Amino acid sequence: MRTLGDLLGDLKKKETAMRKLQEATPTIIGTIAVKAIKDNFKAQGYNGGNELQVWAKRKEVTNKNYDYNRTKKYRTPKRGKVSTHKNALKGSVYQSDRPILVQTGNLRDSIMFKTSGNKVFIGVLSNVKKPGATQEAHAYAKHLNEGGVGKWGKYATTHTVARKFMPRPDEGPNSKMLAMIKNKQQFELDKIYREWQRK
């Protein structure tokens, strides 16, 4: 027969479990949000919870530039001669058959989260600039996510089509993220209550 002390002990354990869940909530939110964003790269479009908004296809000229000099049918720009190499760029990750926005995977892999108290910051960290890059990582991500005119490389200034992969700063989490977070929270709560009911 369970005593009052047993019940009080169980209540204390439940309170401890609830407190730990509350403390873990920012990490849970960040982990799920990052996963939802990276899933968009797999889907090649933006899923905000209603339907997939498929990204615009690459321009053919972009695909040709990616494949330039990979086969003999592409000519070298300076000499105007057929390349003598079957795969002059062997080892390069840039290819037309790679998924959109996943030529190197750097953009997708740079998406992360950090927590500060109960706040969660999700996206690409600022003040990160790789050697040879013309802009910081977060500016690069913003440009691709929202589109617009920008400078690529040393000379080219073009208009980039928006290929949204994460909510804009003024939008907050989308319904897909909120549903995933809610389901995870409910799962963790159910675990706590199941343990309580077994006593």
Protein backbone atom coordinates (compact mmCIF):
# COMPACT_ATOMS: atom_id res chain seq x y z
CA MET A 1 0.00 0.00 0.00
CA ARG A 2 1.34 3.39 -1.03
CA THR A 3 1.83 5.92 1.69
CA LEU A 4 1.42 9.69 1.66
CA GLY A 5 5.21 9.93 1.50
CA ASP A 6 5.20 7.81 -1.67
CA LEU A 7 2.63 10.09 -3.28
CA LEU A 8 4.57 13.21 -2.32
CA GLY A 9 7.73 11.64 -3.72
CA ASP A 10 5.98 10.87 -7.00
CA LEU A 11 4.64 14.41 -7.18
CA LYS A 12 8.12 15.80 -6.67
CA LYS A 13 9.46 13.59 -9.49
CA LYS A 14 6.68 14.81 -11.76
CA GLU A 15 7.44 18.42 -10.94
CA THR A 16 11.13 17.79 -11.67
CA ALA A 17 10.28 16.20 -15.02
CA MET A 18 8.02 19.12 -15.94
CA ARG A 19 10.73 21.63 -15.02
CA LYS A 20 13.29 19.77 -17.15
CA LEU A 21 10.87 19.76 -20.08
CA GLN A 22 10.33 23.50 -19.68
CA GLU A 23 14.09 24.10 -19.62
CA ALA A 24 14.54 21.92 -22.71
CA THR A 25 11.75 23.63 -24.68
CA PRO A 26 13.97 26.24 -26.42
CA THR A 27 16.31 23.46 -27.61
CA ILE A 28 13.34 21.39 -28.78
CA ILE A 29 11.98 24.37 -30.72
CA GLY A 30 15.36 25.12 -32.31
CA THR A 31 16.02 21.50 -33.28
CA ILE A 32 12.62 21.07 -34.90
CA ALA A 33 12.75 24.42 -36.71
CA VAL A 34 16.18 23.65 -38.21
CA LYS A 35 14.96 20.22 -39.34
CA ALA A 36 11.87 21.76 -40.96
CA ILE A 37 14.05 24.26 -42.85
CA LYS A 38 16.51 21.62 -44.03
CA ASP A 39 13.62 19.45 -45.19
CA ASN A 40 12.84 22.20 -47.70
CA PHE A 41 16.19 21.60 -49.40
CA LYS A 42 15.23 17.94 -49.84
CA ALA A 43 11.78 18.87 -51.12
CA GLN A 44 13.26 21.58 -53.39
CA GLY A 45 10.60 24.03 -52.27
CA TYR A 46 9.09 25.77 -49.26
CA ASN A 47 6.56 23.96 -47.12
CA GLY A 48 4.93 26.36 -44.71
CA GLY A 49 2.24 23.91 -43.63
CA ASN A 50 -0.28 24.26 -46.44
CA GLU A 51 1.31 23.13 -49.68
CA LEU A 52 4.78 22.93 -51.16
CA GLN A 53 5.86 26.04 -53.03
CA VAL A 54 8.26 24.53 -55.56
CA TRP A 55 11.40 26.55 -56.26
CA ALA A 56 11.95 28.10 -59.68
CA LYS A 57 14.20 26.07 -61.93
CA ARG A 58 17.70 27.24 -62.74
CA LYS A 59 18.28 29.17 -65.93
CA GLU A 60 19.80 27.08 -68.68
CA VAL A 61 22.75 29.45 -68.89
CA THR A 62 23.48 28.72 -65.21
CA ASN A 63 23.45 24.98 -65.84
CA LYS A 64 25.82 25.44 -68.77
CA ASN A 65 28.18 27.45 -66.60
CA TYR A 66 28.14 24.71 -63.97
CA ASP A 67 28.97 22.08 -66.58
CA TYR A 68 31.45 24.24 -68.50
CA ASN A 69 34.46 22.26 -69.73
CA ARG A 70 33.23 19.04 -68.19
CA THR A 71 32.87 17.44 -71.60
CA LYS A 72 34.30 18.06 -75.06
CA LYS A 73 31.15 19.78 -76.26
CA TYR A 74 31.94 22.82 -74.10
CA ARG A 75 34.56 25.23 -75.42
CA THR A 76 37.15 27.14 -73.44
CA PRO A 77 36.26 30.86 -73.25
CA LYS A 78 39.69 32.28 -74.11
CA ARG A 79 40.98 29.99 -76.84
CA GLY A 80 37.66 29.03 -78.38
CA LYS A 81 38.92 25.49 -78.77
CA VAL A 82 37.37 22.21 -77.78
CA SER A 83 38.68 21.11 -74.41
CA THR A 84 41.14 18.24 -74.54
CA HIS A 85 39.93 17.07 -71.13
CA LYS A 86 36.87 14.88 -70.83
CA ASN A 87 36.28 16.24 -67.36
CA ALA A 88 38.38 19.35 -66.88
CA LEU A 89 36.64 20.17 -63.61
CA LYS A 90 36.78 16.68 -62.18
CA GLY A 91 36.36 16.90 -58.45
CA SER A 92 34.35 20.12 -58.61
CA VAL A 93 30.99 19.95 -56.83
CA TYR A 94 29.30 22.34 -59.24
CA GLN A 95 27.09 20.37 -61.62
CA SER A 96 23.78 21.03 -63.32
CA ASP A 97 22.31 17.78 -62.06
CA ARG A 98 22.75 18.72 -58.41
CA PRO A 99 19.67 19.94 -56.49
CA ILE A 100 18.96 23.66 -56.42
CA LEU A 101 20.75 25.51 -53.57
CA VAL A 102 22.70 22.35 -52.71
CA GLN A 103 25.79 22.63 -54.92
CA THR A 104 28.14 22.42 -51.93
CA GLY A 105 25.67 21.99 -49.08
CA ASN A 106 27.27 24.93 -47.24
CA LEU A 107 24.09 27.02 -47.23
CA ARG A 108 21.93 24.18 -45.94
CA ASP A 109 24.51 23.13 -43.35
CA SER A 110 25.01 26.69 -42.10
CA ILE A 111 21.43 26.85 -40.80
CA MET A 112 21.45 26.39 -37.04
CA PHE A 113 19.96 27.67 -33.81
CA LYS A 114 21.17 29.12 -30.56
CA THR A 115 19.35 29.79 -27.34
CA SER A 116 19.56 32.60 -24.81
CA GLY A 117 17.33 31.97 -21.83
CA ASN A 118 13.85 31.37 -23.22
CA LYS A 119 14.71 32.93 -26.58
CA VAL A 120 15.57 30.90 -29.67
CA PHE A 121 17.49 32.35 -32.63
CA ILE A 122 17.18 30.32 -35.85
CA GLY A 123 18.96 30.90 -39.15
CA VAL A 124 22.48 31.60 -40.39
CA LEU A 125 24.84 33.20 -37.92
CA SER A 126 25.99 36.73 -38.74
CA ASN A 127 29.60 37.88 -38.98
CA VAL A 128 30.65 34.67 -40.71
CA LYS A 129 32.50 35.16 -43.99
CA LYS A 130 34.39 32.39 -45.74
CA PRO A 131 37.70 33.08 -47.52
CA GLY A 132 37.01 34.34 -51.03
CA ALA A 133 33.34 35.09 -50.33
CA THR A 134 31.94 38.43 -51.46
CA GLN A 135 29.43 38.67 -48.62
CA GLU A 136 28.79 37.29 -45.16
CA ALA A 137 26.96 34.00 -44.82
CA HIS A 138 23.76 35.48 -43.37
CA ALA A 139 23.59 38.11 -46.15
CA TYR A 140 24.08 35.36 -48.74
CA ALA A 141 21.29 33.28 -47.18
CA LYS A 142 18.96 36.29 -47.02
CA HIS A 143 19.64 37.06 -50.68
CA LEU A 144 18.74 33.55 -51.81
CA ASN A 145 15.75 33.27 -49.47
CA GLU A 146 14.19 36.62 -50.38
CA GLY A 147 15.64 37.29 -53.84
CA GLY A 148 16.50 40.67 -55.32
CA VAL A 149 19.38 42.43 -57.03
CA GLY A 150 22.85 41.57 -55.81
CA LYS A 151 26.44 41.09 -56.83
CA TRP A 152 27.73 37.59 -57.44
CA GLY A 153 31.43 37.04 -57.76
CA LYS A 154 33.71 39.83 -58.87
CA TYR A 155 31.74 41.34 -61.71
CA ALA A 156 28.24 39.94 -62.13
CA THR A 157 25.29 41.91 -60.80
CA THR A 158 22.04 40.06 -61.33
CA HIS A 159 18.49 39.73 -60.09
CA THR A 160 18.10 36.56 -58.04
CA VAL A 161 14.78 34.77 -57.97
CA ALA A 162 13.56 34.19 -54.41
CA ARG A 163 13.75 30.53 -53.40
CA LYS A 164 12.30 30.61 -49.94
CA PHE A 165 13.59 27.95 -47.56
CA MET A 166 12.82 29.53 -44.18
CA PRO A 167 10.38 32.11 -42.77
CA ARG A 168 11.44 35.72 -43.14
CA PRO A 169 12.37 37.56 -39.92
CA ASP A 170 9.01 39.33 -39.75
CA GLU A 171 6.98 36.16 -40.24
CA GLY A 172 7.85 33.96 -37.28
CA PRO A 173 7.50 30.16 -37.34
CA ASN A 174 5.13 28.74 -39.94
CA SER A 175 2.25 26.37 -39.26
CA LYS A 176 4.32 23.29 -40.14
CA MET A 177 6.94 24.18 -37.54
CA LEU A 178 4.30 24.97 -34.93
CA ALA A 179 2.55 21.65 -35.53
CA MET A 180 5.83 19.73 -35.23
CA ILE A 181 6.72 21.56 -32.02
CA LYS A 182 3.25 20.97 -30.56
CA ASN A 183 3.41 17.25 -31.37
CA LYS A 184 6.84 16.92 -29.77
CA GLN A 185 5.73 18.76 -26.64
CA GLN A 186 2.64 16.59 -26.35
CA PHE A 187 4.76 13.46 -26.79
CA GLU A 188 7.04 14.50 -23.93
CA LEU A 189 4.08 15.41 -21.72
CA ASP A 190 2.43 12.07 -22.40
CA LYS A 191 5.61 10.31 -21.32
CA ILE A 192 5.57 12.16 -18.00
CA TYR A 193 1.90 11.36 -17.36
CA ARG A 194 2.33 7.71 -18.33
CA GLU A 195 5.05 7.37 -15.73
CA TRP A 196 2.71 9.02 -13.19
CA GLN A 197 -0.15 6.66 -14.04
CA ARG A 198 2.01 3.57 -13.62
CA LYS A 199 2.61 4.37 -9.96
